[in-house]
Amino acid sequence: MKTILRISIGALLMSLLGHHAFAQESDMDDRKIRFGLMATPNLGWMRPSITEFDKDGAQTRLGFGYGLMLDYKFSASANYLFSTGINLTTNGGGLVEAYDSLNIGLNGESSYFTGTLNRTYRFQYVNIPILLKMRTNEIGYMTYFGAIGFDLGIRTRAFANDDYTWKQVGLTPADQKDVNIENQINLFRLGINLTAGGEFNLSGNTNAYVGVGWHNAFTNVFRKTADNKILVPTSDGYPSLNSDGFAIVGKNKAAVSNYVSLDLGIYF
């Protein structure tokens, strides 16, 4: 009986309002579960948690992600959904810190250099959002929503591009690209996910999805190890030196990785 009633209502809408209006009424409100595909270009940055990083040197970096979406209607109301999925996301940013390097020449002579390291980080995570989505009824041709919850990220890759500025002149160490830094970066990333946007019915059960997400981590991106400590800088950003002329080692590095995403997708 319920199926017959649905068909009758649909036929009536088609006859009164035409095919486009019928497509708008064919939203997936009655579905318990719906799936979708999404792409998420993003703009990321690193926010340092310690003063030893040069905060004026923080830089943004473009990233990208893609994956699957899933919405589950857990109550009789179609306005409240549990939203999750899985996506592969690349993001990062840049930080500047004091740096030193001890080089041993072919003849056994050593050269000690001090300066600054401008490092651009590039992370890749398998990300699982866990969200409560609250959406409006249809307004015009759009349905608007807001979502709040958490991101659980599992690091799969971590690379860096290193650009040095040396205090000394001469044969200084060269800049490096695509440095593998996985042993310096924590495996997990946990953060807040705030997303808002809207949906537009394309045809039948197919909806276009657009949203803007703010992804704010609260776990340190750096592993807490003896080899992952920052040098104490002077006012000019170069390392502070002890009485032996070597850089003074400070506390463990601490920063979080944040990004803003533009979420584009289709629900089926």
Protein backbone atom coordinates (compact mmCIF):
# COMPACT_ATOMS: atom_id res chain seq x y z
CA MET A 1 0.00 0.00 0.00
CA LYS A 2 2.83 2.41 0.83
CA THR A 3 4.49 1.73 -2.51
CA ILE A 4 1.24 2.28 -4.42
CA LEU A 5 0.71 5.57 -2.56
CA ARG A 6 4.21 6.76 -3.48
CA ILE A 7 3.66 5.97 -7.15
CA SER A 8 0.34 7.79 -7.14
CA ILE A 9 1.81 10.91 -5.53
CA GLY A 10 4.71 10.86 -7.98
CA ALA A 11 2.37 10.60 -10.95
CA LEU A 12 0.29 13.49 -9.63
CA LEU A 13 3.35 15.71 -9.18
CA MET A 14 4.53 14.93 -12.69
CA SER A 15 1.21 15.88 -14.16
CA LEU A 16 0.93 19.13 -12.15
CA LEU A 17 4.47 20.41 -11.95
CA GLY A 18 6.39 18.65 -14.70
CA HIS A 19 9.46 16.46 -14.70
CA HIS A 20 11.79 18.91 -12.93
CA ALA A 21 9.53 19.32 -9.94
CA PHE A 22 9.21 15.55 -9.69
CA ALA A 23 12.98 15.23 -9.58
CA GLN A 24 13.05 17.66 -6.65
CA GLU A 25 10.53 15.57 -4.70
CA SER A 26 12.47 12.36 -5.40
CA ASP A 27 15.11 13.13 -2.80
CA MET A 28 16.46 10.26 -0.72
CA ASP A 29 14.73 11.26 2.53
CA ASP A 30 13.12 7.84 2.84
CA ARG A 31 16.39 5.93 2.50
CA LYS A 32 18.09 4.63 5.63
CA ILE A 33 21.51 4.59 3.97
CA ARG A 34 22.89 6.45 0.98
CA PHE A 35 26.33 6.49 -0.60
CA GLY A 36 28.30 9.06 -2.55
CA LEU A 37 31.61 10.00 -4.12
CA MET A 38 33.52 13.15 -3.26
CA ALA A 39 36.60 15.20 -4.18
CA THR A 40 38.11 17.69 -1.72
CA PRO A 41 40.70 20.27 -2.78
CA ASN A 42 42.08 21.93 0.35
CA LEU A 43 44.34 24.65 1.70
CA GLY A 44 46.50 23.51 4.63
CA TRP A 45 48.87 25.07 7.12
CA MET A 46 50.91 24.14 10.19
CA ARG A 47 50.16 25.86 13.49
CA PRO A 48 53.16 25.66 15.85
CA SER A 49 52.55 24.98 19.55
CA ILE A 50 55.99 26.13 20.72
CA THR A 51 57.73 29.49 20.38
CA GLU A 52 60.91 27.99 18.90
CA PHE A 53 59.24 27.76 15.50
CA ASP A 54 59.22 31.02 13.54
CA LYS A 55 55.48 31.72 13.41
CA ASP A 56 56.04 34.43 10.79
CA GLY A 57 57.44 31.68 8.58
CA ALA A 58 54.26 29.56 8.62
CA GLN A 59 53.10 28.87 5.06
CA THR A 60 50.01 27.42 3.40
CA ARG A 61 50.01 24.53 0.96
CA LEU A 62 47.43 23.26 -1.52
CA GLY A 63 46.27 19.66 -1.16
CA PHE A 64 43.67 17.27 -2.50
CA GLY A 65 41.53 14.36 -1.38
CA TYR A 66 38.95 11.94 -2.72
CA GLY A 67 36.83 9.10 -1.38
CA LEU A 68 33.44 7.73 -0.39
CA MET A 69 30.59 9.28 1.65
CA LEU A 70 27.90 7.49 3.66
CA ASP A 71 24.83 8.95 5.37
CA TYR A 72 22.68 6.93 7.78
CA LYS A 73 19.23 8.11 8.88
CA PHE A 74 19.09 6.94 12.50
CA SER A 75 15.66 8.34 13.37
CA ALA A 76 12.27 8.90 11.77
CA SER A 77 13.29 12.44 10.86
CA ALA A 78 15.24 12.98 7.65
CA ASN A 79 16.78 16.13 9.15
CA TYR A 80 19.29 14.27 11.34
CA LEU A 81 21.90 11.92 9.88
CA PHE A 82 25.00 10.07 10.97
CA SER A 83 27.61 10.86 8.32
CA THR A 84 30.89 9.05 7.74
CA GLY A 85 32.99 7.63 4.91
CA ILE A 86 36.61 7.13 3.99
CA ASN A 87 38.92 9.30 1.92
CA LEU A 88 42.56 9.67 1.00
CA THR A 89 43.67 13.23 1.78
CA THR A 90 46.94 15.05 1.10
CA ASN A 91 47.59 18.25 3.05
CA GLY A 92 50.45 20.05 4.76
CA GLY A 93 52.07 23.41 5.27
CA GLY A 94 55.39 25.03 6.02
CA LEU A 95 57.46 26.05 9.07
CA VAL A 96 60.78 27.79 9.63
CA GLU A 97 63.22 26.73 12.37
CA ALA A 98 66.84 27.16 13.41
CA TYR A 99 69.11 24.51 11.86
CA ASP A 100 72.70 23.27 11.89
CA SER A 101 74.75 20.80 9.89
CA LEU A 102 78.10 19.12 10.53
CA ASN A 103 79.75 17.95 7.31
CA ILE A 104 82.79 15.70 7.12
CA GLY A 105 84.94 16.21 4.02
CA LEU A 106 86.84 13.58 2.04
CA ASN A 107 90.07 14.53 3.80
CA GLY A 108 88.46 14.08 7.22
CA GLU A 109 88.09 17.79 7.93
CA SER A 110 84.76 18.89 9.39
CA SER A 111 82.70 21.97 8.57
CA TYR A 112 79.97 23.24 10.88
CA PHE A 113 77.14 25.34 9.41
CA THR A 114 74.31 27.19 11.16
CA GLY A 115 71.27 28.80 9.62
CA THR A 116 67.54 28.36 9.19
CA LEU A 117 65.47 25.58 7.65
CA ASN A 118 62.35 26.49 5.67
CA ARG A 119 60.58 23.12 5.47
CA THR A 120 57.40 22.46 3.48
CA TYR A 121 55.53 19.42 4.78
CA ARG A 122 53.40 17.09 2.66
CA PHE A 123 51.25 14.53 4.50
CA GLN A 124 48.90 11.85 3.23
CA TYR A 125 46.22 10.38 5.48
CA VAL A 126 43.48 7.82 5.22
CA ASN A 127 40.77 9.92 6.86
CA ILE A 128 37.53 8.73 8.46
CA PRO A 129 35.05 11.50 9.41
CA ILE A 130 32.51 10.79 12.15
CA LEU A 131 29.82 13.48 11.97
CA LEU A 132 26.34 14.44 13.09
CA LYS A 133 24.71 16.08 10.08
CA MET A 134 21.71 18.38 10.54
CA ARG A 135 19.90 19.46 7.38
CA THR A 136 16.91 21.58 6.48
CA ASN A 137 13.85 20.65 4.52
CA GLU A 138 14.00 21.57 0.86
CA ILE A 139 14.18 25.35 0.32
CA GLY A 140 13.61 26.14 -3.31
CA TYR A 141 15.72 23.56 -5.10
CA MET A 142 18.32 23.26 -2.29
CA THR A 143 18.70 21.39 0.98
CA TYR A 144 21.16 23.02 3.39
CA PHE A 145 23.12 21.28 6.14
CA GLY A 146 25.66 21.71 8.90
CA ALA A 147 27.79 18.90 10.31
CA ILE A 148 29.98 18.63 13.41
CA GLY A 149 32.21 15.81 14.60
CA PHE A 150 35.71 14.39 14.38
CA ASP A 151 38.33 13.38 11.83
CA LEU A 152 40.38 10.26 12.48
CA GLY A 153 43.42 10.21 10.20
CA ILE A 154 45.97 7.43 9.70
CA ARG A 155 49.20 8.63 8.11
CA THR A 156 50.33 6.75 5.02
CA ARG A 157 53.07 9.06 3.71
CA ALA A 158 55.11 12.04 4.88
CA PHE A 159 57.60 14.02 2.78
CA ALA A 160 59.26 17.43 2.97
CA ASN A 161 61.05 19.94 0.78
CA ASP A 162 63.95 21.63 2.60
CA ASP A 163 65.26 25.10 1.74
CA TYR A 164 68.22 26.32 3.79
CA THR A 165 69.56 29.78 4.57
CA TRP A 166 73.10 29.51 5.93
CA LYS A 167 74.91 32.05 8.06
CA GLN A 168 78.25 30.98 6.62
CA VAL A 169 79.35 31.30 3.00
CA GLY A 170 81.14 28.80 0.84
CA LEU A 171 80.36 25.17 0.05
CA THR A 172 77.21 24.85 2.18
CA PRO A 173 74.78 21.88 2.14
CA ALA A 174 72.33 22.00 -0.76
CA ASP A 175 68.54 22.21 -0.61
CA GLN A 176 66.67 18.90 -0.71
CA LYS A 177 63.41 17.75 -2.26
CA ASP A 178 61.06 14.88 -1.37
CA VAL A 179 62.79 13.99 1.90
CA ASN A 180 61.10 10.99 3.56
CA ILE A 181 60.19 12.07 7.12
CA GLU A 182 57.76 9.29 8.09
CA ASN A 183 59.89 8.40 11.14
CA GLN A 184 59.36 11.97 12.45
CA ILE A 185 55.57 12.15 12.05
CA ASN A 186 52.92 10.60 14.28
CA LEU A 187 50.84 7.79 12.80
CA PHE A 188 47.46 9.20 13.91
CA ARG A 189 45.79 12.58 13.47
CA LEU A 190 42.66 13.47 15.46
CA GLY A 191 40.78 16.71 14.96
CA ILE A 192 37.52 18.62 14.85
CA ASN A 193 35.51 18.63 11.61
CA LEU A 194 33.01 21.45 11.01
CA THR A 195 31.32 21.38 7.60
CA ALA A 196 28.45 23.36 6.07
CA GLY A 197 26.92 23.30 2.61
CA GLY A 198 24.00 22.21 0.51
CA GLU A 199 22.60 19.62 -1.88
CA PHE A 200 20.78 19.98 -5.17
CA ASN A 201 18.74 17.23 -6.76
CA LEU A 202 19.95 16.43 -10.27
CA SER A 203 17.61 13.61 -11.19
CA GLY A 204 15.72 10.95 -9.28
CA ASN A 205 17.96 9.71 -6.46
CA THR A 206 21.06 11.63 -7.61
CA ASN A 207 22.05 14.72 -5.60
CA ALA A 208 24.94 17.11 -6.17
CA TYR A 209 26.79 17.97 -2.95
CA VAL A 210 28.94 21.00 -2.09
CA GLY A 211 30.38 21.95 1.28
CA VAL A 212 33.14 23.90 3.01
CA GLY A 213 34.94 22.09 5.82
CA TRP A 214 37.19 23.34 8.62
CA HIS A 215 39.52 20.59 9.87
CA ASN A 216 41.31 21.59 13.07
CA ALA A 217 43.66 19.00 14.58
CA PHE A 218 44.47 18.85 18.28
CA THR A 219 47.11 16.10 18.21
CA ASN A 220 50.80 16.89 17.71
CA VAL A 221 51.95 16.04 14.21
CA PHE A 222 55.50 15.31 15.42
CA ARG A 223 56.58 12.14 17.21
CA LYS A 224 58.05 12.64 20.68
CA THR A 225 61.53 11.19 20.20
CA ALA A 226 65.04 12.20 21.19
CA ASP A 227 65.91 12.83 17.52
CA ASN A 228 62.89 15.08 16.96
CA LYS A 229 63.92 18.12 18.98
CA ILE A 230 64.14 21.72 17.86
CA LEU A 231 67.15 24.02 18.20
CA VAL A 232 66.86 27.10 20.40
CA PRO A 233 66.87 30.17 18.10
CA THR A 234 68.32 33.62 18.64
CA SER A 235 66.42 36.79 17.75
CA ASP A 236 67.62 36.53 14.12
CA GLY A 237 66.34 32.95 13.82
CA TYR A 238 69.76 31.28 13.77
CA PRO A 239 70.68 28.67 16.42
CA SER A 240 71.84 29.76 19.85
CA LEU A 241 75.35 28.42 20.51
CA ASN A 242 76.83 26.98 23.69
CA SER A 243 80.34 27.62 24.99
CA ASP A 244 81.72 24.96 22.62
CA GLY A 245 80.26 26.73 19.59
CA PHE A 246 77.51 24.21 18.86
CA ALA A 247 73.74 24.75 18.70
CA ILE A 248 71.70 24.41 21.89
CA VAL A 249 69.04 21.68 21.62
CA GLY A 250 65.63 22.60 22.99
CA LYS A 251 62.30 20.85 23.54
CA ASN A 252 60.42 18.40 21.35
CA LYS A 253 58.83 19.82 18.22
CA ALA A 254 55.10 20.50 18.52
CA ALA A 255 52.62 21.69 15.89
CA VAL A 256 49.22 20.74 14.50
CA SER A 257 48.17 20.33 10.88
CA ASN A 258 45.00 22.21 9.87
CA TYR A 259 43.22 22.71 6.58
CA VAL A 260 40.10 24.14 4.95
CA SER A 261 38.45 21.98 2.29
CA LEU A 262 36.03 22.54 -0.58
CA ASP A 263 33.96 19.35 -0.71
CA LEU A 264 32.37 18.43 -4.05
CA GLY A 265 30.43 15.23 -4.49
CA ILE A 266 27.46 13.24 -5.74
CA TYR A 267 25.06 11.10 -3.74
CA PHE A 268 23.42 8.18 -5.52
